[in-house]
Amino acid sequence: MKKYVMITIIIISFVSLAFYALMTKIELNGYQTGFHLKGTYQAVGGIPGDAEYLAFHQNKEAEKNVFYYYKQHDFKDKGNYINADTTNLYLLNIDNSSIDGRYILAGKDKLYIIKDKNVLEYEKISNEVVFINVNKP
């Protein structure tokens, strides 16, 4: 009887370990192949009702990647972004931007804008471009 219990515990442990290894490999592949920015992101720690948003659109027909920067009730900026030669690193391609950064580091459901020595965090709220309380430009 003890022998069967021990074998069952070993089998359950092995299956659990194999499942964990598979899930870790799948998540690691995302970081190695890169995350796509497409979607809408909201600034973390913003003031309710005055949140900042970044929306990224991939236009495959025109081969342009477009981003929009806005606050509720106030459209701020529009421009293009490009993927740098490094995985998960993007560069904003704009002149006289009102956005607080030019380098974007993408994560699974977050992105980080790097300006000077500050890092601004944005959290993904939608996989599509969404305009909240502002007209589409």
C-alpha atoms as a PDB file:
ATOM      1  CA  MET A   1       0.000   0.000   0.000  1.00  0.00           C
ATOM      2  CA  LYS A   2       2.780   2.439   0.925  1.00  0.00           C
ATOM      3  CA  LYS A   3       4.529   1.593  -2.325  1.00  0.00           C
ATOM      4  CA  TYR A   4       1.489   2.719  -4.409  1.00  0.00           C
ATOM      5  CA  VAL A   5       1.115   5.946  -2.427  1.00  0.00           C
ATOM      6  CA  MET A   6       4.804   6.760  -2.951  1.00  0.00           C
ATOM      7  CA  ILE A   7       4.594   6.028  -6.688  1.00  0.00           C
ATOM      8  CA  THR A   8       1.478   8.217  -6.982  1.00  0.00           C
ATOM      9  CA  ILE A   9       3.221  11.093  -5.185  1.00  0.00           C
ATOM     10  CA  ILE A  10       6.260  10.780  -7.448  1.00  0.00           C
ATOM     11  CA  ILE A  11       4.104  10.747 -10.590  1.00  0.00           C
ATOM     12  CA  ILE A  12       2.099  13.793  -9.458  1.00  0.00           C
ATOM     13  CA  SER A  13       5.344  15.627  -8.610  1.00  0.00           C
ATOM     14  CA  PHE A  14       6.829  14.783 -11.999  1.00  0.00           C
ATOM     15  CA  VAL A  15       3.720  15.946 -13.896  1.00  0.00           C
ATOM     16  CA  SER A  16       3.622  19.185 -11.866  1.00  0.00           C
ATOM     17  CA  LEU A  17       7.299  19.853 -12.537  1.00  0.00           C
ATOM     18  CA  ALA A  18       6.870  19.178 -16.274  1.00  0.00           C
ATOM     19  CA  PHE A  19       3.875  21.551 -16.411  1.00  0.00           C
ATOM     20  CA  TYR A  20       5.812  24.288 -14.582  1.00  0.00           C
ATOM     21  CA  ALA A  21       8.803  23.875 -16.937  1.00  0.00           C
ATOM     22  CA  LEU A  22       6.534  24.124 -19.984  1.00  0.00           C
ATOM     23  CA  MET A  23       4.811  27.289 -18.710  1.00  0.00           C
ATOM     24  CA  THR A  24       8.185  28.881 -17.927  1.00  0.00           C
ATOM     25  CA  LYS A  25       9.435  28.066 -21.434  1.00  0.00           C
ATOM     26  CA  ILE A  26       6.335  29.626 -23.016  1.00  0.00           C
ATOM     27  CA  GLU A  27       6.765  32.821 -20.990  1.00  0.00           C
ATOM     28  CA  LEU A  28      10.488  32.975 -21.772  1.00  0.00           C
ATOM     29  CA  ASN A  29       9.735  32.720 -25.503  1.00  0.00           C
ATOM     30  CA  GLY A  30       7.692  35.926 -25.217  1.00  0.00           C
ATOM     31  CA  TYR A  31      10.664  37.814 -23.864  1.00  0.00           C
ATOM     32  CA  GLN A  32      13.050  36.373 -26.447  1.00  0.00           C
ATOM     33  CA  THR A  33      10.875  36.952 -29.506  1.00  0.00           C
ATOM     34  CA  GLY A  34       9.511  40.278 -28.301  1.00  0.00           C
ATOM     35  CA  PHE A  35       6.159  41.702 -27.303  1.00  0.00           C
ATOM     36  CA  HIS A  36       4.066  43.772 -29.665  1.00  0.00           C
ATOM     37  CA  LEU A  37       2.945  47.197 -28.532  1.00  0.00           C
ATOM     38  CA  LYS A  38      -0.426  47.146 -30.280  1.00  0.00           C
ATOM     39  CA  GLY A  39      -3.090  48.296 -27.846  1.00  0.00           C
ATOM     40  CA  THR A  40      -3.885  51.013 -25.344  1.00  0.00           C
ATOM     41  CA  TYR A  41      -1.951  51.694 -22.155  1.00  0.00           C
ATOM     42  CA  GLN A  42      -2.786  53.842 -19.121  1.00  0.00           C
ATOM     43  CA  ALA A  43      -0.222  55.579 -16.931  1.00  0.00           C
ATOM     44  CA  VAL A  44       0.176  53.894 -13.557  1.00  0.00           C
ATOM     45  CA  GLY A  45      -0.435  56.166 -10.586  1.00  0.00           C
ATOM     46  CA  GLY A  46      -2.326  58.821 -12.520  1.00  0.00           C
ATOM     47  CA  ILE A  47      -5.032  61.065 -11.156  1.00  0.00           C
ATOM     48  CA  PRO A  48      -8.522  59.563 -11.685  1.00  0.00           C
ATOM     49  CA  GLY A  49     -10.343  61.505 -14.388  1.00  0.00           C
ATOM     50  CA  ASP A  50      -7.082  62.952 -15.711  1.00  0.00           C
ATOM     51  CA  ALA A  51      -5.265  59.785 -16.731  1.00  0.00           C
ATOM     52  CA  GLU A  52      -2.633  59.683 -19.468  1.00  0.00           C
ATOM     53  CA  TYR A  53      -2.940  57.155 -22.271  1.00  0.00           C
ATOM     54  CA  LEU A  54      -0.742  55.796 -25.025  1.00  0.00           C
ATOM     55  CA  ALA A  55      -2.337  53.911 -27.913  1.00  0.00           C
ATOM     56  CA  PHE A  56      -0.241  51.979 -30.443  1.00  0.00           C
ATOM     57  CA  HIS A  57      -1.504  50.931 -33.865  1.00  0.00           C
ATOM     58  CA  GLN A  58       0.274  48.732 -36.394  1.00  0.00           C
ATOM     59  CA  ASN A  59      -0.670  49.703 -39.940  1.00  0.00           C
ATOM     60  CA  LYS A  60       0.584  46.804 -42.036  1.00  0.00           C
ATOM     61  CA  GLU A  61      -0.709  48.244 -45.318  1.00  0.00           C
ATOM     62  CA  ALA A  62       1.228  51.502 -45.014  1.00  0.00           C
ATOM     63  CA  GLU A  63       4.053  49.720 -43.147  1.00  0.00           C
ATOM     64  CA  LYS A  64       3.852  52.367 -40.425  1.00  0.00           C
ATOM     65  CA  ASN A  65       3.445  51.999 -36.713  1.00  0.00           C
ATOM     66  CA  VAL A  66       1.478  54.917 -35.286  1.00  0.00           C
ATOM     67  CA  PHE A  67       1.064  55.969 -31.666  1.00  0.00           C
ATOM     68  CA  TYR A  68      -1.312  58.410 -30.005  1.00  0.00           C
ATOM     69  CA  TYR A  69      -0.703  60.194 -26.712  1.00  0.00           C
ATOM     70  CA  TYR A  70      -3.672  61.762 -24.938  1.00  0.00           C
ATOM     71  CA  LYS A  71      -5.296  62.618 -21.643  1.00  0.00           C
ATOM     72  CA  GLN A  72      -9.008  62.410 -21.078  1.00  0.00           C
ATOM     73  CA  HIS A  73     -10.663  65.280 -22.988  1.00  0.00           C
ATOM     74  CA  ASP A  74      -7.294  66.427 -24.385  1.00  0.00           C
ATOM     75  CA  PHE A  75      -5.495  64.948 -27.403  1.00  0.00           C
ATOM     76  CA  LYS A  76      -1.755  65.628 -27.048  1.00  0.00           C
ATOM     77  CA  ASP A  77       0.315  64.036 -29.788  1.00  0.00           C
ATOM     78  CA  LYS A  78       0.565  61.580 -32.642  1.00  0.00           C
ATOM     79  CA  GLY A  79       3.646  60.083 -34.250  1.00  0.00           C
ATOM     80  CA  ASN A  80       5.374  56.962 -35.505  1.00  0.00           C
ATOM     81  CA  TYR A  81       7.331  54.388 -33.577  1.00  0.00           C
ATOM     82  CA  ILE A  82       9.924  51.917 -34.739  1.00  0.00           C
ATOM     83  CA  ASN A  83      11.310  48.723 -33.318  1.00  0.00           C
ATOM     84  CA  ALA A  84      14.969  49.129 -32.405  1.00  0.00           C
ATOM     85  CA  ASP A  85      17.396  46.370 -33.277  1.00  0.00           C
ATOM     86  CA  THR A  86      16.963  45.035 -29.745  1.00  0.00           C
ATOM     87  CA  THR A  87      14.046  42.843 -28.680  1.00  0.00           C
ATOM     88  CA  ASN A  88      11.283  44.707 -26.792  1.00  0.00           C
ATOM     89  CA  LEU A  89      12.865  48.139 -27.318  1.00  0.00           C
ATOM     90  CA  TYR A  90      10.989  50.730 -29.364  1.00  0.00           C
ATOM     91  CA  LEU A  91      11.811  54.316 -30.320  1.00  0.00           C
ATOM     92  CA  LEU A  92       9.306  57.121 -30.749  1.00  0.00           C
ATOM     93  CA  ASN A  93       9.872  59.026 -33.981  1.00  0.00           C
ATOM     94  CA  ILE A  94       8.430  62.501 -33.406  1.00  0.00           C
ATOM     95  CA  ASP A  95       9.392  66.171 -33.349  1.00  0.00           C
ATOM     96  CA  ASN A  96       8.498  68.552 -30.520  1.00  0.00           C
ATOM     97  CA  SER A  97       6.596  65.893 -28.647  1.00  0.00           C
ATOM     98  CA  SER A  98       4.688  66.584 -25.469  1.00  0.00           C
ATOM     99  CA  ILE A  99       5.237  63.010 -24.339  1.00  0.00           C
ATOM    100  CA  ASP A 100       7.688  62.414 -21.513  1.00  0.00           C
ATOM    101  CA  GLY A 101      10.117  60.102 -23.256  1.00  0.00           C
ATOM    102  CA  ARG A 102      11.494  58.649 -26.427  1.00  0.00           C
ATOM    103  CA  TYR A 103      12.513  55.082 -25.529  1.00  0.00           C
ATOM    104  CA  ILE A 104       9.975  52.384 -24.769  1.00  0.00           C
ATOM    105  CA  LEU A 105      10.733  49.055 -23.162  1.00  0.00           C
ATOM    106  CA  ALA A 106       7.836  46.642 -23.688  1.00  0.00           C
ATOM    107  CA  GLY A 107       6.795  43.932 -21.282  1.00  0.00           C
ATOM    108  CA  LYS A 108       3.969  41.416 -21.313  1.00  0.00           C
ATOM    109  CA  ASP A 109       1.177  43.770 -20.192  1.00  0.00           C
ATOM    110  CA  LYS A 110       3.215  46.838 -19.306  1.00  0.00           C
ATOM    111  CA  LEU A 111       5.559  49.248 -20.943  1.00  0.00           C
ATOM    112  CA  TYR A 112       8.123  51.620 -19.577  1.00  0.00           C
ATOM    113  CA  ILE A 113       9.038  54.973 -21.069  1.00  0.00           C
ATOM    114  CA  ILE A 114      12.555  56.063 -20.301  1.00  0.00           C
ATOM    115  CA  LYS A 115      13.426  59.752 -20.207  1.00  0.00           C
ATOM    116  CA  ASP A 116      16.526  61.162 -18.622  1.00  0.00           C
ATOM    117  CA  LYS A 117      16.872  59.056 -15.477  1.00  0.00           C
ATOM    118  CA  ASN A 118      13.157  58.568 -14.889  1.00  0.00           C
ATOM    119  CA  VAL A 119      11.058  55.552 -15.780  1.00  0.00           C
ATOM    120  CA  LEU A 120       7.324  55.999 -16.370  1.00  0.00           C
ATOM    121  CA  GLU A 121       5.151  52.896 -16.164  1.00  0.00           C
ATOM    122  CA  TYR A 122       2.079  52.256 -18.309  1.00  0.00           C
ATOM    123  CA  GLU A 123      -0.277  49.307 -17.949  1.00  0.00           C
ATOM    124  CA  LYS A 124      -2.156  47.711 -20.855  1.00  0.00           C
ATOM    125  CA  ILE A 125      -5.914  48.207 -20.678  1.00  0.00           C
ATOM    126  CA  SER A 126      -6.875  46.971 -24.154  1.00  0.00           C
ATOM    127  CA  ASN A 127      -5.410  45.017 -27.066  1.00  0.00           C
ATOM    128  CA  GLU A 128      -7.002  47.521 -29.458  1.00  0.00           C
ATOM    129  CA  VAL A 129      -6.589  51.258 -29.938  1.00  0.00           C
ATOM    130  CA  VAL A 130      -9.138  52.905 -27.643  1.00  0.00           C
ATOM    131  CA  PHE A 131      -9.850  56.629 -27.250  1.00  0.00           C
ATOM    132  CA  ILE A 132     -11.385  57.446 -23.875  1.00  0.00           C
ATOM    133  CA  ASN A 133     -13.274  60.773 -23.651  1.00  0.00           C
ATOM    134  CA  VAL A 134     -11.378  62.218 -26.602  1.00  0.00           C
ATOM    135  CA  ASN A 135     -12.099  62.345 -30.339  1.00  0.00           C
ATOM    136  CA  LYS A 136     -10.025  60.184 -32.644  1.00  0.00           C
ATOM    137  CA  PRO A 137      -7.501  62.391 -34.460  1.00  0.00           C
END
